[in-house]
Protein backbone atom coordinates (compact mmCIF):
# COMPACT_ATOMS: atom_id res chain seq x y z
CA MET A 1 76.66 103.55 104.49
CA ALA A 2 74.21 101.97 101.25
CA MET A 3 74.26 98.28 101.74
CA PRO A 4 72.75 95.30 100.01
CA VAL A 5 74.90 95.21 97.24
CA GLY A 6 74.03 91.59 96.24
CA GLN A 7 72.28 88.34 96.87
CA ARG A 8 75.49 86.29 97.01
CA ALA A 9 79.36 86.37 97.03
CA VAL A 10 81.31 83.27 96.52
CA VAL A 11 84.49 83.78 97.86
CA ILE A 12 87.17 80.77 96.42
CA GLY A 13 89.45 79.59 99.07
CA GLY A 14 89.31 79.44 103.12
CA SER A 15 92.26 81.18 103.90
CA VAL A 16 93.09 83.92 105.98
CA ALA A 17 92.15 86.52 103.15
CA GLY A 18 89.31 84.30 101.72
CA LEU A 19 87.70 84.58 105.53
CA LEU A 20 88.02 88.42 106.18
CA ALA A 21 86.99 88.60 102.67
CA ALA A 22 84.13 86.89 103.06
CA ARG A 23 83.53 88.81 106.35
CA VAL A 24 83.22 92.33 104.56
CA LEU A 25 80.86 90.36 101.81
CA ALA A 26 78.94 89.53 104.64
CA ASP A 27 77.32 93.19 105.33
CA ALA A 28 76.32 93.47 101.97
CA HIS A 29 75.08 90.22 100.15
CA ALA A 30 72.30 88.29 101.21
CA GLU A 31 74.36 85.46 101.52
CA VAL A 32 78.76 84.51 101.41
CA VAL A 33 80.05 80.90 100.23
CA ILE A 34 82.86 80.31 101.53
CA VAL A 35 84.32 76.98 98.71
CA ASP A 36 87.34 75.20 99.70
CA ARG A 37 88.98 71.92 99.07
CA ASP A 38 90.35 71.10 102.65
CA GLU A 39 87.73 70.37 105.25
CA LEU A 40 87.84 73.17 107.23
CA THR A 41 85.47 72.79 110.03
CA GLY A 42 87.11 71.83 113.72
CA ARG A 43 91.02 71.47 112.38
CA ALA A 44 93.47 72.31 114.40
CA THR A 45 96.15 71.82 112.72
CA ALA A 46 97.94 72.94 109.21
CA ARG A 47 96.31 71.60 105.94
CA ARG A 48 97.43 70.90 103.02
CA GLY A 49 96.15 73.73 101.30
CA VAL A 50 98.79 75.43 103.38
CA PRO A 51 101.63 74.56 103.16
CA HIS A 52 103.59 76.64 104.63
CA GLY A 53 100.93 76.46 107.97
CA SER A 54 103.35 74.64 110.54
CA HIS A 55 105.71 77.46 110.73
CA VAL A 56 105.93 80.47 112.44
CA HIS A 57 103.84 83.34 111.30
CA GLY A 58 103.89 86.53 112.25
CA LEU A 59 100.33 88.91 112.42
CA LEU A 60 101.94 92.33 112.18
CA ALA A 61 100.20 94.73 114.17
CA ARG A 62 98.27 96.47 111.63
CA GLY A 63 97.13 93.13 110.59
CA GLN A 64 95.80 92.68 113.80
CA GLN A 65 93.97 96.26 114.11
CA VAL A 66 92.06 95.52 111.13
CA ILE A 67 90.89 91.98 112.06
CA GLU A 68 89.81 93.21 115.73
CA GLU A 69 88.28 95.82 113.46
CA LEU A 70 86.36 93.40 111.70
CA LEU A 71 85.97 90.61 114.27
CA PRO A 72 86.32 92.47 117.63
CA GLY A 73 87.11 90.33 120.12
CA PHE A 74 88.97 88.60 118.04
CA THR A 75 92.49 89.45 120.82
CA ASP A 76 91.31 88.47 123.80
CA ARG A 77 89.92 85.24 122.08
CA MET A 78 93.29 84.19 121.08
CA VAL A 79 94.72 85.06 124.80
CA ALA A 80 92.23 83.40 126.35
CA ASP A 81 93.02 79.98 124.57
CA GLY A 82 96.34 80.51 125.68
CA ALA A 83 98.23 82.62 122.82
CA PRO A 84 101.07 84.96 124.81
CA LEU A 85 100.53 88.89 123.77
CA SER A 86 104.04 90.79 122.93
CA ASP A 87 105.43 93.88 122.29
CA LEU A 88 106.79 94.09 118.69
CA SER A 89 110.09 95.06 120.19
CA ASN A 90 109.89 94.98 123.47
CA THR A 91 109.46 91.62 124.56
CA VAL A 92 111.11 90.52 120.79
CA ARG A 93 114.93 90.63 120.46
CA TRP A 94 115.45 91.33 117.17
CA TYR A 95 118.87 90.68 115.59
CA PHE A 96 119.99 92.26 112.28
CA ASN A 97 123.70 91.33 110.54
CA GLY A 98 123.95 89.37 113.81
CA ARG A 99 123.68 92.17 116.29
CA ARG A 100 120.59 92.89 118.41
CA LEU A 101 118.73 95.96 118.17
CA GLN A 102 118.13 98.08 121.16
CA SER A 103 114.01 97.39 122.94
CA ALA A 104 111.68 100.25 123.12
CA SER A 105 108.51 99.52 123.60
CA SER A 106 106.62 100.12 120.42
CA GLY A 107 102.90 100.32 121.64
CA LEU A 108 101.64 97.52 119.54
CA THR A 109 100.54 94.91 120.86
CA CYS A 110 100.67 91.14 118.57
CA VAL A 111 99.61 88.19 119.56
CA ALA A 112 102.19 85.50 119.19
CA ALA A 113 100.43 81.93 118.23
CA SER A 114 100.43 79.73 115.40
CA ARG A 115 98.97 79.28 111.91
CA PRO A 116 96.36 77.01 112.40
CA MET A 117 94.92 78.98 115.64
CA VAL A 118 95.09 82.15 114.21
CA GLU A 119 93.25 80.54 111.32
CA ARG A 120 90.49 78.22 114.46
CA HIS A 121 89.92 81.87 115.60
CA LEU A 122 89.09 83.66 112.21
CA ARG A 123 87.43 80.60 110.89
CA GLU A 124 85.18 80.03 114.01
CA ALA A 125 84.14 83.70 113.70
CA VAL A 126 82.99 84.35 110.39
CA ALA A 127 81.24 80.95 110.88
CA ARG A 128 79.41 82.86 113.55
CA LEU A 129 77.66 85.15 111.12
CA ALA A 130 73.88 83.84 109.77
CA ASN A 131 74.79 84.28 105.66
CA VAL A 132 78.08 82.89 105.74
CA THR A 133 78.49 79.12 105.06
CA PHE A 134 81.01 76.72 104.02
CA LEU A 135 81.52 74.43 101.36
CA GLU A 136 84.02 71.54 102.24
CA GLY A 137 85.93 69.40 100.39
CA ARG A 138 85.24 71.34 97.41
CA ASP A 139 87.26 72.77 94.70
CA VAL A 140 85.98 75.43 91.77
CA ASP A 141 86.46 73.54 88.40
CA GLY A 142 85.84 77.30 86.70
CA LEU A 143 83.99 80.43 86.18
CA VAL A 144 80.89 81.19 84.74
CA THR A 145 79.86 83.87 82.89
CA THR A 146 77.81 85.81 80.44
CA ALA A 147 77.88 84.72 76.86
CA ASP A 148 79.82 87.94 75.31
CA ARG A 149 82.07 87.02 78.97
CA ASP A 150 82.07 90.82 80.11
CA THR A 151 80.82 89.24 82.98
CA VAL A 152 81.65 86.17 86.17
CA VAL A 153 78.35 85.45 86.94
CA GLY A 154 79.15 82.25 89.25
CA VAL A 155 81.26 79.47 89.29
CA ARG A 156 81.46 75.69 88.61
CA ILE A 157 82.05 73.42 91.87
CA GLY A 158 83.87 69.83 91.63
CA GLY A 159 84.45 67.55 93.72
CA GLY A 160 81.13 66.54 94.59
CA PRO A 161 79.52 63.26 94.74
CA ALA A 162 79.00 63.09 90.68
CA GLY A 163 82.00 64.35 89.97
CA ALA A 164 80.67 66.82 87.76
CA GLY A 165 81.29 70.23 87.85
CA GLU A 166 77.88 72.19 88.83
CA ALA A 167 77.10 75.66 88.57
CA MET A 168 76.77 78.52 91.46
CA GLY A 169 75.31 81.55 90.37
CA ALA A 170 77.38 84.26 91.91
CA ASP A 171 77.10 88.34 91.71
CA LEU A 172 80.39 88.47 92.78
CA VAL A 173 83.22 85.83 92.68
CA VAL A 174 86.36 86.67 95.27
CA ASP A 175 90.00 84.52 94.51
CA ALA A 176 91.84 83.93 97.33
CA SER A 177 92.96 80.67 96.86
CA GLY A 178 96.60 81.88 97.33
CA ARG A 179 99.64 81.34 95.49
CA GLY A 180 97.99 78.16 93.59
CA SER A 181 95.24 80.34 91.85
CA ARG A 182 94.41 79.34 88.82
CA THR A 183 92.30 82.78 87.95
CA PRO A 184 95.35 83.99 85.20
CA ALA A 185 94.19 80.15 83.14
CA TRP A 186 90.86 80.71 83.37
CA LEU A 187 91.08 84.24 81.88
CA ALA A 188 92.87 83.04 79.45
CA GLU A 189 90.46 80.74 78.45
CA LEU A 190 87.94 83.56 78.60
CA GLY A 191 89.84 85.63 75.99
CA TYR A 192 91.60 87.85 78.04
CA PRO A 193 95.19 88.49 78.68
CA ARG A 194 97.41 87.10 81.64
CA PRO A 195 98.26 89.23 83.93
CA ALA A 196 102.04 90.05 83.74
CA GLU A 197 103.92 89.13 87.28
CA ASP A 198 106.87 90.24 88.92
CA ARG A 199 109.63 87.95 90.36
CA VAL A 200 112.03 87.74 92.90
CA LYS A 201 113.62 84.44 93.41
CA ILE A 202 114.92 84.10 96.68
CA ASP A 203 114.61 79.87 97.31
CA LEU A 204 113.97 80.08 100.80
CA THR A 205 113.52 77.57 103.29
CA TYR A 206 112.01 76.96 106.52
CA THR A 207 112.72 73.79 108.93
CA THR A 208 110.40 73.86 111.70
CA ARG A 209 110.29 72.12 114.93
CA ARG A 210 108.07 72.44 118.31
CA PHE A 211 109.92 72.60 121.87
CA ARG A 212 108.76 72.52 125.44
CA LEU A 213 110.68 74.10 126.87
CA ARG A 214 112.74 72.57 130.67
CA SER A 215 113.74 75.87 131.79
CA ASP A 216 112.56 79.25 130.78
CA ALA A 217 115.81 80.61 131.26
CA VAL A 218 116.98 82.09 127.65
CA LEU A 219 113.46 83.75 127.01
CA GLY A 220 112.86 85.08 130.41
CA PRO A 221 109.87 87.73 130.48
CA ASP A 222 110.42 87.83 126.00
CA VAL A 223 108.49 86.19 123.96
CA SER A 224 110.54 85.11 120.64
CA ILE A 225 114.40 85.53 119.33
CA ASN A 226 114.86 86.65 115.76
CA PRO A 227 117.89 86.84 113.90
CA VAL A 228 116.58 87.64 110.74
CA SER A 229 118.48 86.34 107.37
CA SER A 230 120.75 89.12 105.94
CA PRO A 231 124.19 88.90 103.14
CA SER A 232 125.94 88.96 106.15
CA HIS A 233 124.31 86.12 108.40
CA PRO A 234 122.41 84.05 105.95
CA ARG A 235 121.03 81.49 107.92
CA GLY A 236 118.16 82.69 110.03
CA ALA A 237 115.31 81.75 113.07
CA PHE A 238 112.23 82.70 114.39
CA PHE A 239 112.60 81.53 118.49
CA THR A 240 108.51 81.53 119.18
CA ARG A 241 106.55 81.20 122.75
CA ILE A 242 102.96 79.97 121.11
CA GLU A 243 99.87 78.29 122.83
CA ASP A 244 99.82 75.60 124.75
CA GLY A 245 103.03 76.24 126.05
CA LEU A 246 104.81 75.39 123.73
CA CYS A 247 107.88 77.04 121.79
CA ALA A 248 107.95 77.42 117.93
CA LEU A 249 111.75 77.47 116.30
CA SER A 250 111.73 78.04 112.35
CA LEU A 251 114.91 77.89 110.69
CA THR A 252 115.23 79.87 107.61
CA GLY A 253 117.86 79.18 105.36
CA VAL A 254 117.82 80.91 101.99
CA LEU A 255 119.30 80.73 98.08
CA GLY A 256 119.41 76.65 98.49
CA ASP A 257 120.70 76.46 102.25
CA ARG A 258 118.41 74.19 104.25
CA ALA A 259 118.32 72.85 107.41
CA PRO A 260 118.31 69.03 108.10
CA ALA A 261 114.66 68.29 109.44
CA ASP A 262 116.34 65.37 111.69
CA LEU A 263 116.76 66.34 115.63
CA ASP A 264 120.69 66.13 115.98
CA GLY A 265 120.97 68.30 112.42
CA PHE A 266 118.61 70.60 113.69
CA LEU A 267 119.95 71.54 116.90
CA ALA A 268 123.74 71.57 115.17
CA TRP A 269 122.59 73.91 112.97
CA THR A 270 121.56 76.19 115.46
CA ARG A 271 125.13 76.51 116.24
CA SER A 272 125.11 78.13 113.06
CA LEU A 273 122.97 80.89 113.57
CA PRO A 274 124.56 83.85 115.37
CA VAL A 275 123.10 84.08 118.46
CA PRO A 276 124.01 81.57 120.11
CA GLU A 277 120.88 82.24 122.77
CA ILE A 278 118.57 79.50 120.77
CA HIS A 279 120.48 76.85 120.77
CA ASP A 280 121.34 76.43 123.93
CA ALA A 281 117.43 77.81 124.44
CA VAL A 282 116.78 73.85 122.64
CA ARG A 283 119.20 71.53 123.28
CA ASP A 284 117.63 70.12 126.50
CA ALA A 285 114.81 70.86 125.28
CA GLU A 286 111.53 68.61 124.98
CA PRO A 287 110.89 68.21 120.97
CA VAL A 288 107.39 67.56 120.18
CA GLY A 289 106.21 66.14 117.20
CA GLU A 290 108.55 66.25 113.93
CA ALA A 291 109.54 68.27 112.38
CA THR A 292 108.25 70.29 109.09
CA SER A 293 109.99 71.72 105.97
CA PHE A 294 108.72 73.93 103.68
CA ARG A 295 110.46 75.86 100.26
CA TYR A 296 109.42 78.94 98.78
CA PRO A 297 111.34 79.44 95.85
CA VAL A 298 110.32 82.56 94.27
CA SER A 299 107.99 85.94 95.02
CA VAL A 300 105.34 86.64 92.83
CA ARG A 301 103.14 89.60 92.17
CA ARG A 302 100.41 89.13 89.58
CA ARG A 303 99.82 92.58 87.77
CA TYR A 304 95.93 92.48 87.01
CA ASP A 305 96.05 96.72 88.69
CA ARG A 306 98.20 96.64 84.60
CA LEU A 307 95.20 94.68 82.50
CA ALA A 308 93.68 96.72 80.42
CA THR A 309 90.27 94.47 80.25
CA LEU A 310 88.95 92.93 83.23
CA PRO A 311 85.54 90.53 83.13
CA GLN A 312 82.91 92.47 85.73
CA GLY A 313 82.28 90.07 89.31
CA LEU A 314 85.30 88.21 89.48
CA LEU A 315 88.49 89.79 92.16
CA VAL A 316 91.45 88.58 93.56
CA MET A 317 92.99 88.99 96.60
CA GLY A 318 95.50 87.81 98.93
CA ASP A 319 98.59 85.67 97.81
CA ALA A 320 96.74 84.46 94.53
CA LEU A 321 97.39 88.57 93.75
CA CYS A 322 100.65 88.66 95.48
CA SER A 323 102.96 85.94 97.35
CA PHE A 324 105.44 87.50 99.90
CA ASN A 325 108.67 86.37 101.01
CA PRO A 326 107.16 84.80 104.04
CA VAL A 327 109.71 85.77 106.59
CA TYR A 328 108.91 89.50 106.84
CA GLY A 329 105.02 88.28 107.80
CA GLN A 330 103.16 90.43 105.71
CA GLY A 331 100.80 87.79 103.75
CA MET A 332 98.27 87.98 106.58
CA SER A 333 98.28 91.40 106.80
CA VAL A 334 97.78 92.37 103.57
CA ALA A 335 94.79 90.36 103.46
CA ALA A 336 93.54 92.50 105.92
CA LEU A 337 93.96 95.69 104.25
CA GLU A 338 92.56 93.86 101.65
CA ALA A 339 89.58 93.52 103.25
CA LEU A 340 89.17 97.16 104.28
CA ALA A 341 89.67 98.20 100.24
CA LEU A 342 87.17 96.08 99.69
CA ARG A 343 85.09 97.35 102.19
CA ASP A 344 85.51 100.74 101.25
CA GLN A 345 84.52 99.54 97.61
CA LEU A 346 80.64 97.50 99.01
CA ARG A 347 79.98 100.81 100.90
CA SER A 348 79.57 102.53 97.71
CA GLY A 349 76.24 100.85 97.14
CA SER A 350 77.12 99.46 93.20
CA VAL A 351 78.61 96.64 92.33
CA VAL A 352 82.16 96.94 92.77
CA ASP A 353 84.44 97.29 89.58
CA PRO A 354 87.62 95.51 89.53
CA ARG A 355 89.63 98.57 88.29
CA ALA A 356 88.76 100.58 90.86
CA PHE A 357 89.07 97.34 93.95
CA TYR A 358 93.09 97.25 91.97
CA ALA A 359 93.12 100.67 92.18
CA ALA A 360 92.76 101.28 95.86
CA THR A 361 94.53 98.07 97.06
CA THR A 362 97.75 99.06 94.50
CA PRO A 363 99.67 100.93 97.34
CA ILE A 364 98.59 98.63 99.84
CA VAL A 365 100.93 96.05 97.55
CA ASP A 366 103.47 98.69 96.23
CA LEU A 367 104.17 99.70 99.86
CA ALA A 368 104.73 95.57 101.21
CA TRP A 369 106.41 94.82 98.18
CA GLY A 370 109.19 97.23 98.28
CA ILE A 371 110.16 96.09 101.74
CA SER A 372 110.45 92.41 101.02
CA ALA A 373 111.60 92.41 97.30
CA GLY A 374 113.70 95.50 97.87
CA ALA A 375 115.50 93.81 101.23
CA ASP A 376 116.19 90.04 98.85
CA LEU A 377 117.27 92.17 96.27
CA ALA A 378 120.04 93.25 98.96
CA TYR A 379 121.56 89.33 98.90
CA PRO A 380 124.07 90.23 95.44
CA GLN A 381 123.22 86.29 94.30
CA VAL A 382 119.29 87.54 93.68
CA ALA A 383 118.17 88.13 90.08
CA GLY A 384 116.50 91.15 89.96
CA ARG A 385 116.37 95.11 88.85
CA ARG A 386 117.93 97.22 91.34
CA THR A 387 117.15 100.79 91.04
CA ALA A 388 118.43 103.63 91.65
CA GLN A 389 115.61 103.92 94.57
CA VAL A 390 116.63 100.25 95.23
CA ARG A 391 119.75 100.59 96.21
CA LEU A 392 119.94 103.41 97.78
CA MET A 393 116.90 102.78 100.63
CA ASN A 394 118.84 99.43 101.30
CA ALA A 395 122.20 101.55 101.67
CA TYR A 396 120.17 103.58 104.30
CA LEU A 397 118.56 100.76 106.05
CA SER A 398 121.63 98.89 106.68
CA ARG A 399 122.83 101.93 108.26
CA LEU A 400 119.66 102.96 110.01
CA GLN A 401 120.11 98.60 111.30
CA ARG A 402 123.41 99.63 113.21
CA ALA A 403 121.85 102.49 114.62
CA ALA A 404 118.84 100.32 116.30
CA VAL A 405 121.37 98.31 117.71
CA HIS A 406 122.19 101.69 120.62
CA ASP A 407 118.90 103.79 119.93
CA GLY A 408 116.06 102.30 120.83
CA GLN A 409 114.02 104.67 119.29
CA VAL A 410 115.27 104.19 116.03
CA THR A 411 114.13 100.45 116.80
CA ARG A 412 110.90 102.15 117.87
CA THR A 413 110.43 103.15 114.07
CA PHE A 414 111.48 100.97 111.99
CA MET A 415 109.26 98.33 113.30
CA ARG A 416 106.39 100.53 113.06
CA VAL A 417 107.13 101.00 109.53
CA ALA A 418 108.30 96.94 109.25
CA GLY A 419 104.14 96.82 110.59
CA LEU A 420 102.97 98.50 108.28
CA VAL A 421 101.47 100.85 111.24
CA GLU A 422 103.54 103.89 109.80
CA PRO A 423 104.64 105.00 106.79
CA PRO A 424 108.40 104.40 105.14
CA GLN A 425 108.54 108.00 105.40
CA ALA A 426 108.86 107.73 109.17
CA LEU A 427 112.16 106.29 108.20
CA MET A 428 113.48 109.52 107.10
CA SER A 429 111.88 112.34 109.13
CA PRO A 430 114.54 115.27 110.07
CA GLY A 431 114.58 113.06 113.73
CA MET A 432 115.04 109.68 112.41
CA LEU A 433 118.00 111.02 109.85
CA LEU A 434 119.67 112.40 112.54
CA ARG A 435 119.88 109.33 115.46
CA VAL A 436 120.42 107.43 112.25
CA LEU A 437 124.12 109.91 111.44
CA ARG A 438 124.38 109.59 115.16
CA HIS A 439 124.86 105.91 116.07
CA GLY A 440 124.65 104.32 112.60
CA ARG A 441 128.82 104.89 112.08
CA ARG A 442 129.13 102.91 115.13
CA SER A 443 129.78 99.26 115.27
CA GLY A 444 129.78 95.77 117.63
CA SER A 445 127.04 94.91 119.96
CA ARG A 446 125.68 97.49 122.26
CA PRO A 447 126.92 96.47 125.78
CA ALA A 448 124.47 94.77 128.48
CA GLY A 449 122.18 96.48 130.03
CA GLN A 450 122.25 100.06 127.97
CA GLY A 451 119.04 101.93 128.22
CA VAL A 452 117.51 103.75 124.77
CA ALA A 453 119.17 106.26 123.89
CA ALA A 454 118.50 109.64 123.72
């Protein structure tokens, strides 16, 4: 393993993607500086730079595995801080098309926690690295390049006492600033083309409240109840135990539908869900704090991988590269996998080539984008190109989800693929095809107490 690569790396954004990028950069650089416009240190609540931070988040199994590899002890520290553990398909009740999937152990352990708690533990772990520093309450105003503009050699830092930008040199700049990334505009200023964008407009809204339950009768031993929005049942929810003995309920609406924020309207909206247990659990619960709302109009993938020319010394990661519909919970896990790809590039001991980096991350993004964008295109009202592959996969998944109502092994494999642990091909293995054919024509919910189908 050839190390190090450079003297200083600058990461724009203290997001999950930025923190994990800093973690791997720290092995290859004498100094890593994370620049963020928010105040980060000691932060235990959602911050302005993460407008969706108050809502229920999912750290998929593969993402948690990667974080544990990069920052050993992460899971234990979260649990010690009060985060519940769950099995993705055994202690989580999944509902698709209004029907409950049969439970089965997935072998995938997941931590149920709020986004601020996940970020805080990541930030504290990264801050313990001796060569990582945080520049908080500051912004990056632009890039510094060589005279020929072929290489990025630093950034301009704004927001200081004098107000004027100051240059900070860097051997590598990583933009992890989220979907509001200014890299496309900076590239245009330098004479490079902007990346093309793939877009899928879903017009999603989240409305979230926290509750302290007066009784555990509804959730019982389970950690979460998740009726997922679908074309047949467009209103969805994520009802999850989090830290401090609280539960968070995020109500999701698509195509402009939006749950009210006031308590009476919020509770009334839960009656429209296909899962009556959620209303039963919260109607007499103690509300904690006020509701928060978030609108997510469109998923955006920026195709840096298709640009013919790129400056050296600049990479884009996380939501700045691809922002997924958050109901699928992919963002943090894809960022973690991109960090592994960056680590592999750094291990060569040479300067990271942007083309090589995007070649390595494109399959990661392809997989997650295919799952989320493909599922969104199942809504007839969503504009987008529906290839024969998309139509065929959506038809197959609809039948697979019907089979999973009766067969826990189908649920297990489905959740392992959704958790980015197994490839989509696992859904079409000969054994899985037989199970889908056997159970996929059956209708209705499985009888209560039914065991895992053979």
